[in-house]
Amino acid sequence: MAANTYLTGIKPTGDFHLGNYIGAIKPALSAATAYDTYYFIADYHALNTIKDADELRHSIRSGAATWLACGLDPERTIVYQQSRVPETFELTTILSALTPKGLMNRAHAYKAARDRNNEAGITDLDAGINMGLYNYPILMAADILVMEGTHVPVGRDQSQHIEYTADIAGYFNHRFGESYSFPVPKGVIDDSDASILPGVDGRKMSKSYDNHIPLFLPENKLKKAVRRIPTDSTPVEDPKDPDSSVPFQLLTHFADAQKVSEVRKRLEAGGMGWGDLKNELFEAINAELGPKRERYEELMADPGRIDAVLAAGSERARERARATLERVRAAVGVA
């Protein structure tokens, strides 16, 4: 077992946005300097919501291309496709035989789906809920444990995911620990303001709130999206509070410290309008993401290249997964 393995999955269910970039992509890329890193495209998880084959194929490639465009080095980080590592699904079956149903009943995603049915007045609270959603925590645990992941980035609102994985690893270790034990993973949780990007309405940026700005918008559409961020009617000449301004909060994530300080002083002194602030924000975002947008478009124009990266990474990932599963199979008595 290798020490300090940082693992994260990316569900390919839509385009990334600026919040994903600041809160997940940049920290994960930085982690590659300190950990063995394994990043996978969670295409089997996506089957719970995507029912169109062409859409899923596009989303898989788009997810991989986004990480590569943002700077992921496939020689340093093993990037792979979940569905290409069948050992994950054999481990899911083994873990399912150890996991109490009651634990699954308490999973947030399952409970939220039932709550939505209840609020809609649907008598059958399980209506529309598939077993993929219900068993999601077990497959997620298998994703982590098959690679013997030790560090897994999660948001505070997703901490149950890592807690469930630790519980499921514990069930296995209690029963079979004399032969083999999984490392119990730790959640890497960053609650700092630096990791949370506000959406255009001030809440955390999220597709579910429809307050997000897509990561690779064309330059002209990016400018329009920034210009549409709501602001108050404070006159240009009046002083303004930068910290209550969504455009200024966004600027702190994309501009350097000198520019942020300069803009803060201009806002507090008066004489800088919201339009000028939005122009500064657009320039800062476009300067950072423009080259990445071009790289993304180049990659998406050559799908064979993306597929080759995922195939090579998946074979490397399988080497590790096979070794783990061999130990698991021997421990439970099927090998």
Foldseek 3Di string as FASTA:
>chain_A
DDPAEEEEEDELDDFAFPLCVQQPLVVLQVCLVPGAYEYEHALVLNVLPDDDPVSSLLSRLLVLLLSVLLPDDCVSHQYAYPVLQCLLVVQLVVLVVQDDLVLLCPDPQLVVQLVVCVVVVNPPSCPSPDVSSSSVLSSLLSVQQLLLHAEYEDEPVCVVSLVSSLVSQVSLCVVQVVQPGRHRHDYDYDPDLSNFAAFLVRHTDDVVVVRTGGQQDPLVVLLVNLVPRDDDDPDQQAADQLVVDNLLSLQVNQPDPVVSVVVNVDRRRGNHDPVNSSVSSSVRSCVSRVSSSVSSVVSSVPVVVSVVSNVVSSVVSNVSSVVSVVSVCVSVPND
